[in-house]
């Protein structure tokens, strides 16, 4: 699988609506995992919110989205996006992780998740938040 760079959009309780909208426009496959389904809800209010979502279309359109948990700050200028890198090669993801982690703040260690054999998130020394994962489809 080739390396992909995907916009990762962050919302407050609108991720499913946005993904459905983009799916209606671009087609392809829509996937959404809630905090409840992943047993990752920090509060009852987060249970139905999207923890991981994406639309992948045959035409090359690709977007990811999630709902920022209710206990974290969010506005359109705060946690508005991540840079998401996916690869089918776990070794490649691990190598990128090691390099990006230099001087970074680790938000989630690289490891298994509900949607990937390896997923991690960090904010690099320049303040850019990266989400890296082994792609499963």
C-alpha atoms as a PDB file:
ATOM      1  CA  UNK A   1       0.000   0.000   0.000  1.00  0.00           C
ATOM      2  CA  UNK A   2       1.229   3.463  -0.833  1.00  0.00           C
ATOM      3  CA  UNK A   3       1.631   6.064   1.878  1.00  0.00           C
ATOM      4  CA  UNK A   4      -1.413   8.305   2.250  1.00  0.00           C
ATOM      5  CA  UNK A   5      -1.805  11.683   3.924  1.00  0.00           C
ATOM      6  CA  UNK A   6      -5.392  12.313   4.975  1.00  0.00           C
ATOM      7  CA  UNK A   7      -7.092  15.420   6.364  1.00  0.00           C
ATOM      8  CA  UNK A   8      -8.412  14.618   9.846  1.00  0.00           C
ATOM      9  CA  UNK A   9     -11.238  16.978  10.792  1.00  0.00           C
ATOM     10  CA  UNK A  10     -12.265  17.518  14.386  1.00  0.00           C
ATOM     11  CA  UNK A  11     -15.791  18.418  15.448  1.00  0.00           C
ATOM     12  CA  UNK A  12     -17.969  18.883  18.488  1.00  0.00           C
ATOM     13  CA  UNK A  13     -20.802  16.360  18.078  1.00  0.00           C
ATOM     14  CA  UNK A  14     -20.978  16.821  14.288  1.00  0.00           C
ATOM     15  CA  UNK A  15     -18.501  14.240  12.960  1.00  0.00           C
ATOM     16  CA  UNK A  16     -21.130  11.678  11.906  1.00  0.00           C
ATOM     17  CA  UNK A  17     -23.194  14.374  10.189  1.00  0.00           C
ATOM     18  CA  UNK A  18     -20.123  15.701   8.364  1.00  0.00           C
ATOM     19  CA  UNK A  19     -18.955  12.235   7.302  1.00  0.00           C
ATOM     20  CA  UNK A  20     -22.436  11.365   6.045  1.00  0.00           C
ATOM     21  CA  UNK A  21     -22.500  14.622   4.085  1.00  0.00           C
ATOM     22  CA  UNK A  22     -19.078  13.947   2.488  1.00  0.00           C
ATOM     23  CA  UNK A  23     -20.072  10.336   1.776  1.00  0.00           C
ATOM     24  CA  UNK A  24     -23.197  11.584  -0.012  1.00  0.00           C
ATOM     25  CA  UNK A  25     -21.050  13.798  -2.220  1.00  0.00           C
ATOM     26  CA  UNK A  26     -18.015  11.601  -2.920  1.00  0.00           C
ATOM     27  CA  UNK A  27     -19.408   8.082  -2.417  1.00  0.00           C
ATOM     28  CA  UNK A  28     -17.160   5.245  -1.302  1.00  0.00           C
ATOM     29  CA  UNK A  29     -17.100   3.598   2.093  1.00  0.00           C
ATOM     30  CA  UNK A  30     -18.160   5.291   5.314  1.00  0.00           C
ATOM     31  CA  UNK A  31     -16.882   4.008   8.653  1.00  0.00           C
ATOM     32  CA  UNK A  32     -17.668   5.426  12.100  1.00  0.00           C
ATOM     33  CA  UNK A  33     -16.780   3.947  15.501  1.00  0.00           C
ATOM     34  CA  UNK A  34     -18.287   5.622  18.563  1.00  0.00           C
ATOM     35  CA  UNK A  35     -16.594   6.112  21.911  1.00  0.00           C
ATOM     36  CA  UNK A  36     -19.180   3.708  23.321  1.00  0.00           C
ATOM     37  CA  UNK A  37     -18.439   0.990  20.758  1.00  0.00           C
ATOM     38  CA  UNK A  38     -14.718   1.283  21.503  1.00  0.00           C
ATOM     39  CA  UNK A  39     -15.327   1.321  25.281  1.00  0.00           C
ATOM     40  CA  UNK A  40     -13.478   4.657  25.381  1.00  0.00           C
ATOM     41  CA  UNK A  41     -16.168   7.086  26.592  1.00  0.00           C
ATOM     42  CA  UNK A  42     -14.899   9.382  29.323  1.00  0.00           C
ATOM     43  CA  UNK A  43     -18.453  10.394  30.167  1.00  0.00           C
ATOM     44  CA  UNK A  44     -22.005   9.364  29.286  1.00  0.00           C
ATOM     45  CA  UNK A  45     -22.199  12.421  26.998  1.00  0.00           C
ATOM     46  CA  UNK A  46     -19.402  10.996  24.819  1.00  0.00           C
ATOM     47  CA  UNK A  47     -20.894   7.511  24.273  1.00  0.00           C
ATOM     48  CA  UNK A  48     -22.606   8.222  20.935  1.00  0.00           C
ATOM     49  CA  UNK A  49     -19.918  10.580  19.635  1.00  0.00           C
ATOM     50  CA  UNK A  50     -17.547   9.451  16.869  1.00  0.00           C
ATOM     51  CA  UNK A  51     -14.124   8.338  18.098  1.00  0.00           C
ATOM     52  CA  UNK A  52     -12.886   7.280  14.639  1.00  0.00           C
ATOM     53  CA  UNK A  53     -14.559   7.931  11.323  1.00  0.00           C
ATOM     54  CA  UNK A  54     -13.602   8.126   7.690  1.00  0.00           C
ATOM     55  CA  UNK A  55     -14.841   8.201   4.138  1.00  0.00           C
ATOM     56  CA  UNK A  56     -12.696   6.502   1.501  1.00  0.00           C
ATOM     57  CA  UNK A  57     -13.843   6.715  -2.118  1.00  0.00           C
ATOM     58  CA  UNK A  58     -12.521   4.945  -5.224  1.00  0.00           C
ATOM     59  CA  UNK A  59     -11.843   8.330  -6.822  1.00  0.00           C
ATOM     60  CA  UNK A  60      -9.123   9.029  -4.235  1.00  0.00           C
ATOM     61  CA  UNK A  61     -11.206  11.186  -1.897  1.00  0.00           C
ATOM     62  CA  UNK A  62     -10.295  10.460   1.684  1.00  0.00           C
ATOM     63  CA  UNK A  63     -11.192  12.274   4.896  1.00  0.00           C
ATOM     64  CA  UNK A  64     -11.133  11.291   8.555  1.00  0.00           C
ATOM     65  CA  UNK A  65     -13.104  12.875  11.399  1.00  0.00           C
ATOM     66  CA  UNK A  66     -13.885  12.547  15.076  1.00  0.00           C
ATOM     67  CA  UNK A  67     -15.719  14.361  17.855  1.00  0.00           C
ATOM     68  CA  UNK A  68     -13.471  16.003  20.450  1.00  0.00           C
ATOM     69  CA  UNK A  69     -14.502  14.593  23.868  1.00  0.00           C
ATOM     70  CA  UNK A  70     -16.724  16.879  25.902  1.00  0.00           C
ATOM     71  CA  UNK A  71     -14.119  17.314  28.657  1.00  0.00           C
ATOM     72  CA  UNK A  72     -11.573  18.833  26.232  1.00  0.00           C
ATOM     73  CA  UNK A  73     -11.620  22.356  24.882  1.00  0.00           C
ATOM     74  CA  UNK A  74     -12.529  22.781  21.253  1.00  0.00           C
ATOM     75  CA  UNK A  75     -13.377  25.516  18.858  1.00  0.00           C
ATOM     76  CA  UNK A  76     -12.757  25.823  15.166  1.00  0.00           C
ATOM     77  CA  UNK A  77      -9.274  27.163  15.925  1.00  0.00           C
ATOM     78  CA  UNK A  78      -8.374  24.689  18.706  1.00  0.00           C
ATOM     79  CA  UNK A  79      -7.905  21.023  17.699  1.00  0.00           C
ATOM     80  CA  UNK A  80      -9.366  21.888  14.311  1.00  0.00           C
ATOM     81  CA  UNK A  81      -7.295  19.283  12.456  1.00  0.00           C
ATOM     82  CA  UNK A  82      -4.610  16.610  12.642  1.00  0.00           C
ATOM     83  CA  UNK A  83      -2.283  15.363   9.935  1.00  0.00           C
ATOM     84  CA  UNK A  84      -3.042  11.667   9.576  1.00  0.00           C
ATOM     85  CA  UNK A  85      -0.598   9.242   7.984  1.00  0.00           C
ATOM     86  CA  UNK A  86      -1.660   5.695   7.174  1.00  0.00           C
ATOM     87  CA  UNK A  87       0.357   2.879   5.687  1.00  0.00           C
ATOM     88  CA  UNK A  88      -0.153  -0.849   5.307  1.00  0.00           C
ATOM     89  CA  UNK A  89       3.399  -1.324   6.573  1.00  0.00           C
ATOM     90  CA  UNK A  90       3.702  -1.295  10.372  1.00  0.00           C
ATOM     91  CA  UNK A  91       7.479  -0.900  10.123  1.00  0.00           C
ATOM     92  CA  UNK A  92       7.076   2.241   8.053  1.00  0.00           C
ATOM     93  CA  UNK A  93       4.613   3.726  10.554  1.00  0.00           C
ATOM     94  CA  UNK A  94       6.943   2.851  13.430  1.00  0.00           C
ATOM     95  CA  UNK A  95       9.898   4.531  11.706  1.00  0.00           C
ATOM     96  CA  UNK A  96       7.893   7.704  11.065  1.00  0.00           C
ATOM     97  CA  UNK A  97       6.685   7.630  14.684  1.00  0.00           C
ATOM     98  CA  UNK A  98      10.222   7.434  16.082  1.00  0.00           C
ATOM     99  CA  UNK A  99      11.326  10.432  14.048  1.00  0.00           C
ATOM    100  CA  UNK A 100       8.263  12.588  14.730  1.00  0.00           C
ATOM    101  CA  UNK A 101       8.398  11.733  18.459  1.00  0.00           C
ATOM    102  CA  UNK A 102      11.745  13.486  18.869  1.00  0.00           C
ATOM    103  CA  UNK A 103      10.957  16.487  21.082  1.00  0.00           C
ATOM    104  CA  UNK A 104       7.207  15.788  20.812  1.00  0.00           C
ATOM    105  CA  UNK A 105       4.382  15.534  23.337  1.00  0.00           C
ATOM    106  CA  UNK A 106       2.909  12.037  23.111  1.00  0.00           C
ATOM    107  CA  UNK A 107      -0.894  12.164  23.220  1.00  0.00           C
ATOM    108  CA  UNK A 108      -1.401   8.409  22.698  1.00  0.00           C
ATOM    109  CA  UNK A 109       1.433   5.896  22.508  1.00  0.00           C
ATOM    110  CA  UNK A 110       1.754   3.946  19.279  1.00  0.00           C
ATOM    111  CA  UNK A 111      -0.085   0.663  19.852  1.00  0.00           C
ATOM    112  CA  UNK A 112      -3.214  -1.357  19.055  1.00  0.00           C
ATOM    113  CA  UNK A 113      -6.556   0.456  18.834  1.00  0.00           C
ATOM    114  CA  UNK A 114     -10.182  -0.401  18.074  1.00  0.00           C
ATOM    115  CA  UNK A 115      -9.623   0.299  14.362  1.00  0.00           C
ATOM    116  CA  UNK A 116      -5.933  -0.422  13.725  1.00  0.00           C
ATOM    117  CA  UNK A 117      -3.174  -2.834  14.766  1.00  0.00           C
ATOM    118  CA  UNK A 118      -1.028   0.254  15.486  1.00  0.00           C
ATOM    119  CA  UNK A 119      -2.219   3.806  16.138  1.00  0.00           C
ATOM    120  CA  UNK A 120      -0.582   6.720  17.913  1.00  0.00           C
ATOM    121  CA  UNK A 121      -0.941  10.472  18.237  1.00  0.00           C
ATOM    122  CA  UNK A 122       1.615  13.130  19.099  1.00  0.00           C
ATOM    123  CA  UNK A 123       2.136  16.869  18.846  1.00  0.00           C
ATOM    124  CA  UNK A 124       5.517  17.522  17.298  1.00  0.00           C
ATOM    125  CA  UNK A 125       8.025  20.127  18.421  1.00  0.00           C
ATOM    126  CA  UNK A 126       6.421  22.617  16.022  1.00  0.00           C
ATOM    127  CA  UNK A 127       2.921  22.236  17.500  1.00  0.00           C
ATOM    128  CA  UNK A 128       1.511  20.074  14.672  1.00  0.00           C
ATOM    129  CA  UNK A 129      -0.580  17.109  15.832  1.00  0.00           C
ATOM    130  CA  UNK A 130       0.022  13.894  13.909  1.00  0.00           C
ATOM    131  CA  UNK A 131      -2.071  10.707  13.967  1.00  0.00           C
ATOM    132  CA  UNK A 132      -0.235   7.686  12.584  1.00  0.00           C
ATOM    133  CA  UNK A 133      -1.799   4.276  11.967  1.00  0.00           C
ATOM    134  CA  UNK A 134      -1.513   1.010  10.140  1.00  0.00           C
ATOM    135  CA  UNK A 135      -4.326   1.034   7.563  1.00  0.00           C
ATOM    136  CA  UNK A 136      -6.826  -1.819   7.698  1.00  0.00           C
ATOM    137  CA  UNK A 137      -8.747  -1.047   4.486  1.00  0.00           C
END
